[in-house]
N, C-alpha and C. Protein backbone atom coordinates (compact mmCIF):
# COMPACT_ATOMS: atom_id res chain seq x y z
N MET A 1 103.85 25.52 -109.02
CA MET A 1 103.89 24.09 -108.75
C MET A 1 102.59 23.42 -109.21
N ILE A 2 101.44 23.99 -108.80
CA ILE A 2 100.15 23.42 -109.19
C ILE A 2 99.94 23.55 -110.69
N LEU A 3 100.47 24.61 -111.29
CA LEU A 3 100.35 24.78 -112.74
C LEU A 3 101.04 23.63 -113.48
N GLN A 4 102.17 23.17 -112.94
CA GLN A 4 102.86 22.04 -113.55
C GLN A 4 102.02 20.76 -113.46
N LEU A 5 101.33 20.60 -112.35
CA LEU A 5 100.45 19.43 -112.19
C LEU A 5 99.26 19.52 -113.15
N LEU A 6 98.73 20.72 -113.34
CA LEU A 6 97.66 20.91 -114.32
C LEU A 6 98.15 20.54 -115.72
N LYS A 7 99.36 20.97 -116.02
CA LYS A 7 99.95 20.65 -117.33
C LYS A 7 100.10 19.15 -117.49
N LYS A 8 100.49 18.48 -116.41
CA LYS A 8 100.65 17.02 -116.44
C LYS A 8 99.34 16.33 -116.79
N ASP A 9 98.25 16.74 -116.15
CA ASP A 9 96.95 16.13 -116.42
C ASP A 9 96.49 16.41 -117.85
N CYS A 10 96.77 17.60 -118.33
CA CYS A 10 96.38 17.95 -119.71
C CYS A 10 97.15 17.13 -120.73
N ILE A 11 98.40 16.81 -120.40
CA ILE A 11 99.22 16.01 -121.31
C ILE A 11 98.76 14.56 -121.35
N ILE A 12 98.48 13.98 -120.17
CA ILE A 12 98.11 12.56 -120.15
C ILE A 12 96.68 12.33 -120.65
N ALA A 13 95.89 13.41 -120.71
CA ALA A 13 94.53 13.27 -121.24
C ALA A 13 94.31 14.32 -122.33
N LYS A 14 95.30 14.46 -123.21
CA LYS A 14 95.28 15.55 -124.19
C LYS A 14 94.09 15.47 -125.12
N ASN A 15 93.64 14.27 -125.47
CA ASN A 15 92.48 14.15 -126.35
C ASN A 15 91.22 14.69 -125.68
N TYR A 16 91.15 14.54 -124.37
CA TYR A 16 89.98 15.02 -123.64
C TYR A 16 90.04 16.52 -123.42
N VAL A 17 91.23 17.11 -123.46
CA VAL A 17 91.33 18.57 -123.41
C VAL A 17 90.63 19.16 -124.63
N VAL A 18 90.89 18.56 -125.79
CA VAL A 18 90.22 19.00 -127.02
C VAL A 18 88.72 18.78 -126.90
N ALA A 19 88.33 17.65 -126.31
CA ALA A 19 86.90 17.34 -126.14
C ALA A 19 86.22 18.38 -125.25
N VAL A 20 86.89 18.77 -124.15
CA VAL A 20 86.33 19.78 -123.25
C VAL A 20 86.13 21.11 -123.99
N ILE A 21 87.13 21.48 -124.78
CA ILE A 21 87.04 22.73 -125.55
C ILE A 21 85.86 22.68 -126.52
N LEU A 22 85.73 21.55 -127.21
CA LEU A 22 84.65 21.42 -128.20
C LEU A 22 83.28 21.34 -127.54
N ILE A 23 83.19 20.65 -126.40
CA ILE A 23 81.90 20.55 -125.70
C ILE A 23 81.46 21.92 -125.20
N GLY A 24 82.41 22.67 -124.61
CA GLY A 24 82.08 24.00 -124.10
C GLY A 24 81.57 24.93 -125.19
N VAL A 25 82.17 24.85 -126.37
CA VAL A 25 81.78 25.71 -127.49
C VAL A 25 80.56 25.15 -128.22
N GLY A 26 80.57 23.83 -128.44
CA GLY A 26 79.60 23.24 -129.35
C GLY A 26 78.26 22.85 -128.77
N LEU A 27 78.22 22.43 -127.50
CA LEU A 27 76.95 21.95 -126.94
C LEU A 27 75.85 23.00 -126.94
N PRO A 28 76.11 24.23 -126.47
CA PRO A 28 75.04 25.24 -126.53
C PRO A 28 74.56 25.51 -127.96
N VAL A 29 75.51 25.57 -128.89
CA VAL A 29 75.13 25.82 -130.30
C VAL A 29 74.31 24.66 -130.84
N LEU A 30 74.70 23.43 -130.50
CA LEU A 30 73.96 22.26 -130.96
C LEU A 30 72.53 22.26 -130.42
N LEU A 31 72.37 22.65 -129.16
CA LEU A 31 71.03 22.69 -128.58
C LEU A 31 70.18 23.80 -129.19
N VAL A 32 70.78 24.93 -129.50
CA VAL A 32 70.05 26.00 -130.21
C VAL A 32 69.51 25.49 -131.53
N TRP A 33 70.31 24.67 -132.19
CA TRP A 33 69.94 24.16 -133.52
C TRP A 33 68.94 23.02 -133.44
N ARG A 34 69.15 22.09 -132.48
CA ARG A 34 68.34 20.87 -132.47
C ARG A 34 67.28 20.81 -131.37
N GLN A 35 67.61 21.32 -130.17
CA GLN A 35 66.70 21.20 -129.03
C GLN A 35 66.64 22.52 -128.25
N PRO A 36 66.11 23.58 -128.84
CA PRO A 36 66.12 24.89 -128.17
C PRO A 36 65.33 24.91 -126.86
N GLU A 37 64.36 24.00 -126.71
CA GLU A 37 63.58 23.97 -125.48
C GLU A 37 64.40 23.47 -124.29
N MET A 38 65.55 22.88 -124.55
CA MET A 38 66.41 22.34 -123.48
C MET A 38 67.59 23.26 -123.15
N LEU A 39 67.60 24.45 -123.72
CA LEU A 39 68.76 25.33 -123.56
C LEU A 39 69.06 25.64 -122.10
N GLU A 40 68.07 26.12 -121.37
CA GLU A 40 68.32 26.54 -119.99
C GLU A 40 68.66 25.36 -119.09
N VAL A 41 68.04 24.21 -119.38
CA VAL A 41 68.23 23.04 -118.53
C VAL A 41 69.58 22.37 -118.78
N PHE A 42 70.02 22.36 -120.05
CA PHE A 42 71.13 21.47 -120.39
C PHE A 42 72.33 22.15 -121.06
N ALA A 43 72.20 23.38 -121.55
CA ALA A 43 73.31 23.98 -122.31
C ALA A 43 74.55 24.16 -121.45
N LEU A 44 74.53 25.08 -120.49
CA LEU A 44 75.69 25.29 -119.62
C LEU A 44 75.88 24.16 -118.62
N PRO A 45 74.81 23.68 -117.94
CA PRO A 45 75.01 22.55 -117.02
C PRO A 45 75.58 21.32 -117.70
N GLY A 46 75.09 21.01 -118.90
CA GLY A 46 75.57 19.83 -119.61
C GLY A 46 77.02 19.95 -120.00
N ALA A 47 77.42 21.14 -120.46
CA ALA A 47 78.81 21.35 -120.87
C ALA A 47 79.77 21.14 -119.70
N VAL A 48 79.44 21.72 -118.55
CA VAL A 48 80.31 21.59 -117.37
C VAL A 48 80.32 20.15 -116.86
N PHE A 49 79.13 19.57 -116.75
CA PHE A 49 79.00 18.25 -116.15
C PHE A 49 79.68 17.17 -117.00
N ILE A 50 79.38 17.15 -118.28
CA ILE A 50 79.96 16.14 -119.17
C ILE A 50 81.48 16.30 -119.24
N SER A 51 81.95 17.55 -119.35
CA SER A 51 83.39 17.80 -119.44
C SER A 51 84.10 17.33 -118.17
N SER A 52 83.53 17.62 -117.00
CA SER A 52 84.18 17.27 -115.74
C SER A 52 84.26 15.76 -115.55
N VAL A 53 83.15 15.07 -115.77
CA VAL A 53 83.13 13.62 -115.56
C VAL A 53 84.01 12.90 -116.57
N ALA A 54 83.94 13.32 -117.85
CA ALA A 54 84.75 12.68 -118.89
C ALA A 54 86.24 12.88 -118.62
N PHE A 55 86.62 14.09 -118.22
CA PHE A 55 88.03 14.36 -117.95
C PHE A 55 88.49 13.58 -116.72
N ASN A 56 87.62 13.48 -115.72
CA ASN A 56 87.96 12.72 -114.52
C ASN A 56 88.24 11.26 -114.86
N LEU A 57 87.37 10.67 -115.68
CA LEU A 57 87.55 9.27 -116.05
C LEU A 57 88.84 9.06 -116.83
N ALA A 58 89.15 10.00 -117.73
CA ALA A 58 90.36 9.87 -118.55
C ALA A 58 91.62 9.96 -117.70
N VAL A 59 91.70 10.99 -116.84
CA VAL A 59 92.90 11.18 -116.02
C VAL A 59 93.04 10.05 -115.00
N SER A 60 91.92 9.69 -114.35
CA SER A 60 91.95 8.65 -113.32
C SER A 60 92.36 7.30 -113.90
N GLU A 61 91.92 7.02 -115.11
CA GLU A 61 92.30 5.75 -115.76
C GLU A 61 93.80 5.69 -115.97
N LYS A 62 94.39 6.78 -116.43
CA LYS A 62 95.84 6.82 -116.64
C LYS A 62 96.60 6.68 -115.32
N GLU A 63 96.13 7.41 -114.30
CA GLU A 63 96.80 7.35 -113.01
C GLU A 63 96.67 5.96 -112.38
N ASN A 64 95.53 5.32 -112.60
CA ASN A 64 95.34 3.96 -112.08
C ASN A 64 96.23 2.95 -112.82
N LYS A 65 96.48 3.23 -114.08
CA LYS A 65 97.31 2.34 -114.89
C LYS A 65 98.78 2.40 -114.46
N TYR A 66 99.21 3.59 -114.00
CA TYR A 66 100.60 3.76 -113.57
C TYR A 66 100.63 4.30 -112.14
N PRO A 67 100.28 3.47 -111.15
CA PRO A 67 100.18 3.95 -109.75
C PRO A 67 101.52 4.41 -109.18
N LYS A 68 102.62 3.84 -109.67
CA LYS A 68 103.92 4.22 -109.13
C LYS A 68 104.28 5.67 -109.49
N ALA A 69 103.70 6.18 -110.58
CA ALA A 69 103.96 7.57 -110.98
C ALA A 69 103.44 8.53 -109.92
N THR A 70 102.25 8.25 -109.37
CA THR A 70 101.69 9.09 -108.31
C THR A 70 102.55 9.01 -107.06
N ALA A 71 103.00 7.80 -106.73
CA ALA A 71 103.85 7.62 -105.55
C ALA A 71 105.16 8.39 -105.71
N LEU A 72 105.74 8.37 -106.89
CA LEU A 72 106.98 9.09 -107.14
C LEU A 72 106.76 10.60 -107.05
N LEU A 73 105.61 11.08 -107.55
CA LEU A 73 105.31 12.51 -107.45
C LEU A 73 105.22 12.95 -105.99
N CYS A 74 104.64 12.09 -105.16
CA CYS A 74 104.47 12.43 -103.75
C CYS A 74 105.81 12.44 -103.01
N ALA A 75 106.82 11.86 -103.60
CA ALA A 75 108.16 11.86 -103.00
C ALA A 75 108.95 13.09 -103.39
N THR A 76 108.39 13.91 -104.27
CA THR A 76 109.01 15.15 -104.73
C THR A 76 108.32 16.32 -104.01
N PRO A 77 108.68 17.57 -104.35
CA PRO A 77 107.95 18.71 -103.75
C PRO A 77 106.45 18.71 -104.03
N TYR A 78 105.99 17.89 -105.01
CA TYR A 78 104.56 17.79 -105.29
C TYR A 78 103.93 16.82 -104.28
N ASN A 79 103.68 17.30 -103.07
CA ASN A 79 103.17 16.41 -102.03
C ASN A 79 101.71 16.05 -102.29
N ARG A 80 101.17 15.18 -101.45
CA ARG A 80 99.81 14.67 -101.64
C ARG A 80 98.78 15.79 -101.62
N GLY A 81 98.98 16.74 -100.73
CA GLY A 81 98.03 17.85 -100.64
C GLY A 81 97.95 18.64 -101.92
N LYS A 82 99.10 18.88 -102.55
CA LYS A 82 99.13 19.63 -103.81
C LYS A 82 98.43 18.86 -104.94
N LEU A 83 98.57 17.54 -104.93
CA LEU A 83 97.91 16.72 -105.95
C LEU A 83 96.39 16.84 -105.84
N VAL A 84 95.90 16.86 -104.62
CA VAL A 84 94.45 17.00 -104.41
C VAL A 84 93.99 18.41 -104.80
N GLU A 85 94.75 19.41 -104.36
CA GLU A 85 94.39 20.80 -104.69
C GLU A 85 94.32 21.00 -106.20
N GLU A 86 95.26 20.39 -106.91
CA GLU A 86 95.28 20.53 -108.38
C GLU A 86 94.02 19.96 -109.01
N LYS A 87 93.55 18.83 -108.50
CA LYS A 87 92.35 18.21 -109.06
C LYS A 87 91.14 19.11 -108.87
N TYR A 88 90.99 19.68 -107.69
CA TYR A 88 89.86 20.57 -107.43
C TYR A 88 89.96 21.86 -108.26
N LEU A 89 91.18 22.36 -108.42
CA LEU A 89 91.37 23.54 -109.27
C LEU A 89 91.03 23.21 -110.72
N LEU A 90 91.40 22.01 -111.17
CA LEU A 90 91.12 21.59 -112.55
C LEU A 90 89.63 21.63 -112.85
N TYR A 91 88.81 21.04 -111.97
CA TYR A 91 87.37 21.00 -112.24
C TYR A 91 86.71 22.36 -112.05
N PHE A 92 87.31 23.20 -111.20
CA PHE A 92 86.82 24.57 -111.10
C PHE A 92 87.13 25.36 -112.37
N LEU A 93 88.32 25.13 -112.94
CA LEU A 93 88.70 25.82 -114.18
C LEU A 93 87.82 25.36 -115.35
N ILE A 94 87.44 24.08 -115.37
CA ILE A 94 86.53 23.59 -116.40
C ILE A 94 85.20 24.33 -116.29
N TYR A 95 84.72 24.50 -115.07
CA TYR A 95 83.48 25.26 -114.83
C TYR A 95 83.63 26.70 -115.34
N LEU A 96 84.73 27.37 -114.98
CA LEU A 96 84.95 28.75 -115.41
C LEU A 96 85.03 28.86 -116.92
N TYR A 97 85.75 27.93 -117.55
CA TYR A 97 85.90 27.95 -119.00
C TYR A 97 84.54 27.87 -119.68
N CYS A 98 83.71 26.91 -119.26
CA CYS A 98 82.40 26.74 -119.88
C CYS A 98 81.52 27.96 -119.66
N CYS A 99 81.62 28.58 -118.48
CA CYS A 99 80.83 29.78 -118.20
C CYS A 99 81.25 30.95 -119.09
N VAL A 100 82.56 31.14 -119.25
CA VAL A 100 83.06 32.24 -120.08
C VAL A 100 82.64 32.04 -121.54
N ILE A 101 82.81 30.82 -122.06
CA ILE A 101 82.43 30.53 -123.43
C ILE A 101 80.93 30.73 -123.62
N PHE A 102 80.14 30.29 -122.65
CA PHE A 102 78.68 30.44 -122.74
C PHE A 102 78.29 31.91 -122.75
N TRP A 103 78.94 32.72 -121.90
CA TRP A 103 78.64 34.16 -121.86
C TRP A 103 79.00 34.82 -123.19
N ILE A 104 80.12 34.44 -123.78
CA ILE A 104 80.52 35.00 -125.07
C ILE A 104 79.49 34.63 -126.14
N GLU A 105 79.06 33.38 -126.14
CA GLU A 105 78.07 32.95 -127.13
C GLU A 105 76.73 33.65 -126.93
N MET A 106 76.41 34.02 -125.69
CA MET A 106 75.18 34.76 -125.42
C MET A 106 75.16 36.12 -126.12
N GLN A 107 76.33 36.69 -126.35
CA GLN A 107 76.41 38.00 -126.99
C GLN A 107 76.08 37.94 -128.48
N PHE A 108 76.12 36.72 -129.04
CA PHE A 108 75.93 36.59 -130.50
C PHE A 108 74.73 35.73 -130.88
N ILE A 109 74.22 34.95 -129.95
CA ILE A 109 73.11 34.04 -130.27
C ILE A 109 71.88 34.47 -129.48
N PRO A 110 70.86 34.99 -130.15
CA PRO A 110 69.67 35.52 -129.45
C PRO A 110 68.99 34.51 -128.53
N GLU A 111 68.93 33.25 -128.94
CA GLU A 111 68.27 32.25 -128.11
C GLU A 111 68.98 32.07 -126.76
N LEU A 112 70.31 32.19 -126.76
CA LEU A 112 71.06 32.07 -125.51
C LEU A 112 70.95 33.34 -124.68
N ALA A 113 70.79 34.48 -125.34
CA ALA A 113 70.73 35.76 -124.63
C ALA A 113 69.52 35.84 -123.70
N ALA A 114 68.50 35.04 -123.97
CA ALA A 114 67.29 35.07 -123.15
C ALA A 114 67.47 34.36 -121.81
N ILE A 115 68.57 33.62 -121.65
CA ILE A 115 68.82 32.88 -120.41
C ILE A 115 69.42 33.80 -119.35
N ASP A 116 68.98 33.64 -118.12
CA ASP A 116 69.54 34.38 -116.99
C ASP A 116 70.91 33.78 -116.66
N PHE A 117 71.96 34.46 -117.10
CA PHE A 117 73.31 33.90 -116.97
C PHE A 117 73.71 33.73 -115.51
N GLY A 118 73.40 34.74 -114.66
CA GLY A 118 73.77 34.65 -113.25
C GLY A 118 73.14 33.45 -112.57
N ARG A 119 71.85 33.25 -112.82
CA ARG A 119 71.15 32.12 -112.22
C ARG A 119 71.73 30.80 -112.72
N SER A 120 71.97 30.71 -114.03
CA SER A 120 72.52 29.47 -114.60
C SER A 120 73.91 29.17 -114.05
N ALA A 121 74.74 30.20 -113.94
CA ALA A 121 76.10 30.00 -113.45
C ALA A 121 76.10 29.48 -112.01
N VAL A 122 75.19 30.01 -111.19
CA VAL A 122 75.10 29.57 -109.79
C VAL A 122 74.59 28.13 -109.72
N ILE A 123 73.53 27.83 -110.50
CA ILE A 123 72.98 26.47 -110.50
C ILE A 123 74.04 25.46 -110.94
N VAL A 124 74.78 25.81 -111.99
CA VAL A 124 75.81 24.90 -112.50
C VAL A 124 76.92 24.70 -111.47
N PHE A 125 77.29 25.78 -110.79
CA PHE A 125 78.33 25.65 -109.77
C PHE A 125 77.88 24.71 -108.65
N TRP A 126 76.62 24.82 -108.26
CA TRP A 126 76.10 23.93 -107.21
C TRP A 126 76.03 22.49 -107.68
N ILE A 127 75.69 22.28 -108.95
CA ILE A 127 75.70 20.92 -109.50
C ILE A 127 77.12 20.36 -109.45
N GLN A 128 78.09 21.21 -109.79
CA GLN A 128 79.50 20.80 -109.75
C GLN A 128 79.91 20.47 -108.30
N VAL A 129 79.50 21.33 -107.37
CA VAL A 129 79.85 21.13 -105.96
C VAL A 129 79.23 19.85 -105.43
N ILE A 130 77.95 19.62 -105.74
CA ILE A 130 77.25 18.44 -105.22
C ILE A 130 77.80 17.16 -105.84
N CYS A 131 77.94 17.17 -107.17
CA CYS A 131 78.37 15.94 -107.86
C CYS A 131 79.86 15.66 -107.65
N MET A 132 80.72 16.56 -108.12
CA MET A 132 82.15 16.33 -108.00
C MET A 132 82.63 16.47 -106.56
N GLY A 133 81.97 17.35 -105.80
CA GLY A 133 82.37 17.54 -104.41
C GLY A 133 82.11 16.32 -103.55
N ILE A 134 81.13 15.51 -103.91
CA ILE A 134 80.87 14.25 -103.21
C ILE A 134 81.65 13.11 -103.84
N PHE A 135 81.74 13.13 -105.16
CA PHE A 135 82.39 12.02 -105.87
C PHE A 135 83.90 11.95 -105.60
N LEU A 136 84.58 13.10 -105.59
CA LEU A 136 86.04 13.08 -105.46
C LEU A 136 86.53 12.47 -104.14
N PRO A 137 85.94 12.83 -102.98
CA PRO A 137 86.38 12.13 -101.75
C PRO A 137 86.13 10.63 -101.80
N ILE A 138 85.01 10.22 -102.42
CA ILE A 138 84.72 8.79 -102.56
C ILE A 138 85.76 8.13 -103.45
N GLN A 139 86.14 8.82 -104.52
CA GLN A 139 87.15 8.26 -105.42
C GLN A 139 88.50 8.15 -104.74
N TYR A 140 88.88 9.16 -103.97
CA TYR A 140 90.15 9.09 -103.23
C TYR A 140 90.13 7.96 -102.20
N ARG A 141 88.96 7.70 -101.64
CA ARG A 141 88.85 6.64 -100.61
C ARG A 141 88.91 5.25 -101.21
N PHE A 142 88.17 5.02 -102.31
CA PHE A 142 88.03 3.66 -102.83
C PHE A 142 88.79 3.41 -104.12
N GLY A 143 89.32 4.46 -104.77
CA GLY A 143 90.10 4.26 -105.98
C GLY A 143 89.27 4.26 -107.25
N TYR A 144 89.96 4.33 -108.37
CA TYR A 144 89.31 4.45 -109.68
C TYR A 144 88.47 3.23 -110.03
N GLU A 145 89.02 2.03 -109.83
CA GLU A 145 88.32 0.81 -110.26
C GLU A 145 86.97 0.64 -109.59
N LYS A 146 86.88 1.00 -108.30
CA LYS A 146 85.64 0.81 -107.56
C LYS A 146 84.65 1.95 -107.75
N THR A 147 85.10 3.06 -108.32
CA THR A 147 84.20 4.22 -108.45
C THR A 147 83.91 4.62 -109.90
N LYS A 148 84.54 3.93 -110.88
CA LYS A 148 84.29 4.34 -112.26
C LYS A 148 82.84 4.09 -112.67
N LEU A 149 82.21 3.06 -112.10
CA LEU A 149 80.80 2.81 -112.39
C LEU A 149 79.94 3.94 -111.84
N LEU A 150 80.31 4.44 -110.65
CA LEU A 150 79.59 5.57 -110.07
C LEU A 150 79.68 6.80 -110.96
N ALA A 151 80.87 7.03 -111.55
CA ALA A 151 81.04 8.16 -112.46
C ALA A 151 80.15 8.01 -113.69
N MET A 152 80.05 6.80 -114.21
CA MET A 152 79.19 6.56 -115.36
C MET A 152 77.71 6.76 -114.99
N LEU A 153 77.35 6.37 -113.76
CA LEU A 153 75.98 6.58 -113.30
C LEU A 153 75.68 8.07 -113.16
N LEU A 154 76.69 8.85 -112.79
CA LEU A 154 76.51 10.29 -112.70
C LEU A 154 76.17 10.88 -114.06
N VAL A 155 76.82 10.36 -115.11
CA VAL A 155 76.53 10.84 -116.46
C VAL A 155 75.07 10.55 -116.82
N ILE A 156 74.59 9.36 -116.44
CA ILE A 156 73.21 8.99 -116.74
C ILE A 156 72.23 9.84 -115.92
N ALA A 157 72.56 10.05 -114.64
CA ALA A 157 71.66 10.79 -113.76
C ALA A 157 71.77 12.30 -113.93
N GLY A 158 72.82 12.75 -114.63
CA GLY A 158 73.06 14.18 -114.79
C GLY A 158 71.88 14.97 -115.32
N PRO A 159 71.27 14.56 -116.45
CA PRO A 159 70.14 15.33 -116.99
C PRO A 159 68.98 15.47 -116.01
N VAL A 160 68.72 14.42 -115.22
CA VAL A 160 67.65 14.49 -114.22
C VAL A 160 67.98 15.51 -113.16
N LEU A 161 69.23 15.48 -112.69
CA LEU A 161 69.67 16.42 -111.66
C LEU A 161 69.59 17.86 -112.18
N MET A 162 70.00 18.07 -113.43
CA MET A 162 69.94 19.41 -114.02
C MET A 162 68.52 19.92 -114.11
N SER A 163 67.62 19.05 -114.51
CA SER A 163 66.21 19.42 -114.62
C SER A 163 65.63 19.78 -113.25
N LEU A 164 65.97 18.98 -112.24
CA LEU A 164 65.49 19.26 -110.88
C LEU A 164 66.05 20.58 -110.37
N ALA A 165 67.33 20.82 -110.63
CA ALA A 165 67.97 22.05 -110.14
C ALA A 165 67.32 23.29 -110.74
N ASN A 166 66.96 23.22 -112.03
CA ASN A 166 66.34 24.37 -112.68
C ASN A 166 64.89 24.58 -112.27
N SER A 167 64.25 23.54 -111.73
CA SER A 167 62.84 23.64 -111.36
C SER A 167 62.63 24.04 -109.91
N ILE A 168 63.71 24.10 -109.13
CA ILE A 168 63.59 24.46 -107.72
C ILE A 168 63.20 25.92 -107.58
N ALA A 169 62.16 26.16 -106.83
CA ALA A 169 61.71 27.52 -106.55
C ALA A 169 62.13 27.89 -105.13
N VAL A 170 62.92 28.96 -105.01
CA VAL A 170 63.39 29.39 -103.70
C VAL A 170 62.28 30.19 -103.01
N PRO A 171 61.90 29.84 -101.77
CA PRO A 171 60.85 30.56 -101.06
C PRO A 171 61.12 32.05 -100.94
N VAL A 172 60.05 32.84 -100.99
CA VAL A 172 60.18 34.31 -100.91
C VAL A 172 60.80 34.72 -99.58
N THR A 173 60.51 33.99 -98.51
CA THR A 173 61.08 34.33 -97.20
C THR A 173 62.60 34.29 -97.19
N ILE A 174 63.17 33.49 -98.10
CA ILE A 174 64.63 33.41 -98.20
C ILE A 174 65.19 34.49 -99.11
N THR A 175 64.50 34.75 -100.23
CA THR A 175 65.00 35.70 -101.22
C THR A 175 64.77 37.15 -100.82
N GLN A 176 63.75 37.43 -99.99
CA GLN A 176 63.40 38.81 -99.65
C GLN A 176 64.53 39.59 -99.00
N PRO A 177 65.28 39.01 -98.05
CA PRO A 177 66.36 39.78 -97.43
C PRO A 177 67.44 40.22 -98.42
N PHE A 178 67.55 39.53 -99.56
CA PHE A 178 68.59 39.85 -100.54
C PHE A 178 68.08 40.79 -101.64
N SER A 179 66.77 41.11 -101.63
CA SER A 179 66.18 41.85 -102.74
C SER A 179 66.69 43.28 -102.84
N ALA A 180 67.17 43.84 -101.74
CA ALA A 180 67.64 45.23 -101.76
C ALA A 180 68.92 45.40 -102.56
N VAL A 181 69.70 44.34 -102.66
CA VAL A 181 70.98 44.41 -103.41
C VAL A 181 70.90 43.47 -104.61
N PRO A 182 70.93 44.01 -105.84
CA PRO A 182 70.86 43.14 -107.04
C PRO A 182 71.99 42.13 -107.06
N GLY A 183 71.63 40.87 -107.27
CA GLY A 183 72.63 39.82 -107.37
C GLY A 183 73.13 39.31 -106.04
N ALA A 184 72.63 39.85 -104.93
CA ALA A 184 73.13 39.43 -103.61
C ALA A 184 72.84 37.96 -103.33
N MET A 185 71.68 37.49 -103.79
CA MET A 185 71.31 36.09 -103.59
C MET A 185 72.30 35.17 -104.30
N TYR A 186 72.65 35.54 -105.55
CA TYR A 186 73.59 34.73 -106.31
C TYR A 186 74.96 34.71 -105.64
N ILE A 187 75.39 35.87 -105.14
CA ILE A 187 76.70 35.96 -104.48
C ILE A 187 76.72 35.09 -103.22
N ALA A 188 75.62 35.15 -102.44
CA ALA A 188 75.54 34.35 -101.21
C ALA A 188 75.60 32.86 -101.53
N LEU A 189 74.84 32.43 -102.55
CA LEU A 189 74.85 31.02 -102.94
C LEU A 189 76.22 30.60 -103.45
N TRP A 190 76.89 31.49 -104.18
CA TRP A 190 78.21 31.20 -104.72
C TRP A 190 79.22 31.03 -103.59
N VAL A 191 79.13 31.91 -102.57
CA VAL A 191 80.04 31.84 -101.44
C VAL A 191 79.82 30.54 -100.65
N ILE A 192 78.55 30.19 -100.42
CA ILE A 192 78.24 28.94 -99.71
C ILE A 192 78.75 27.74 -100.51
N GLY A 193 78.50 27.76 -101.82
CA GLY A 193 78.99 26.67 -102.67
C GLY A 193 80.51 26.57 -102.65
N GLY A 194 81.18 27.73 -102.69
CA GLY A 194 82.64 27.73 -102.62
C GLY A 194 83.16 27.18 -101.31
N THR A 195 82.46 27.49 -100.23
CA THR A 195 82.84 26.96 -98.91
C THR A 195 82.72 25.44 -98.88
N LEU A 196 81.63 24.93 -99.45
CA LEU A 196 81.43 23.47 -99.51
C LEU A 196 82.48 22.81 -100.40
N TRP A 197 82.87 23.49 -101.48
CA TRP A 197 83.90 22.98 -102.39
C TRP A 197 85.24 22.85 -101.66
N ILE A 198 85.58 23.87 -100.88
CA ILE A 198 86.83 23.83 -100.10
C ILE A 198 86.76 22.75 -99.03
N PHE A 199 85.59 22.60 -98.40
CA PHE A 199 85.42 21.56 -97.38
C PHE A 199 85.63 20.18 -98.00
N SER A 200 85.06 19.96 -99.19
CA SER A 200 85.24 18.69 -99.90
C SER A 200 86.72 18.44 -100.18
N MET A 201 87.44 19.49 -100.58
CA MET A 201 88.87 19.36 -100.86
C MET A 201 89.64 18.96 -99.60
N LEU A 202 89.29 19.55 -98.47
CA LEU A 202 89.97 19.22 -97.21
C LEU A 202 89.71 17.77 -96.82
N VAL A 203 88.47 17.31 -97.06
CA VAL A 203 88.15 15.90 -96.77
C VAL A 203 88.99 14.98 -97.67
N SER A 204 89.07 15.33 -98.96
CA SER A 204 89.86 14.53 -99.90
C SER A 204 91.33 14.50 -99.51
N LYS A 205 91.86 15.64 -99.07
CA LYS A 205 93.26 15.70 -98.66
C LYS A 205 93.52 14.80 -97.45
N LYS A 206 92.59 14.80 -96.52
CA LYS A 206 92.74 13.95 -95.34
C LYS A 206 92.71 12.48 -95.71
N ILE A 207 91.79 12.11 -96.61
CA ILE A 207 91.68 10.72 -97.06
C ILE A 207 92.95 10.30 -97.81
N PHE A 208 93.40 11.15 -98.74
CA PHE A 208 94.54 10.81 -99.58
C PHE A 208 95.84 10.78 -98.78
N SER A 209 95.92 11.56 -97.71
CA SER A 209 97.13 11.58 -96.89
C SER A 209 97.37 10.24 -96.18
N LYS A 210 96.30 9.47 -95.98
CA LYS A 210 96.41 8.20 -95.28
C LYS A 210 96.40 7.01 -96.23
N LYS A 211 96.30 7.27 -97.53
CA LYS A 211 96.15 6.19 -98.50
C LYS A 211 97.49 5.55 -98.83
N ASP A 212 97.47 4.24 -98.94
CA ASP A 212 98.68 3.50 -99.35
C ASP A 212 98.76 3.53 -100.86
N LEU A 213 99.83 4.11 -101.38
CA LEU A 213 99.96 4.28 -102.83
C LEU A 213 100.59 3.08 -103.53
N PHE A 214 101.01 2.09 -102.80
CA PHE A 214 101.66 0.93 -103.41
C PHE A 214 100.77 -0.30 -103.32
């Protein structure tokens, strides 16, 4: 059922599907060529962030243009909860796609191979959780027209947020308990981020369940 909803979003924003594919593949390569000093800060974070916000704007614009289509979907087995779940799955899949492509490119591009993939993947996931996890409930509450400016501001503020995220130093008192197990810190952060992502989805479902679609 959710796969059909994913297909629906890909169809109504098909040009942006191509854009997401090209951004995921091309942005790291472009930075290696033009701005190698920005690789760790912007390569994977930029690919995920730009792809997610751009796709959100494209799909939301179409759905806002034809509001009755959403109302009709909610009258079928595709209830409101499933529509929200599909959106969160969509942006999670964009994150996974960009991570997989980045890891593959690391195997062939020496400049990318020097990046700590585990650390970057966790940082990017948290950026996704903080930005989209806060933005989506706001968008469900106030609608596309009132929040599209906020989405554009996210694009502008994105590079600053990415830079700050990469510069954060975790205190030794926090990292020491995880030092006995390699990667345990990353797993813990990923689990916490995933919990917050699910919490955001539940908030969005509650908001959307009370929204007047007409």
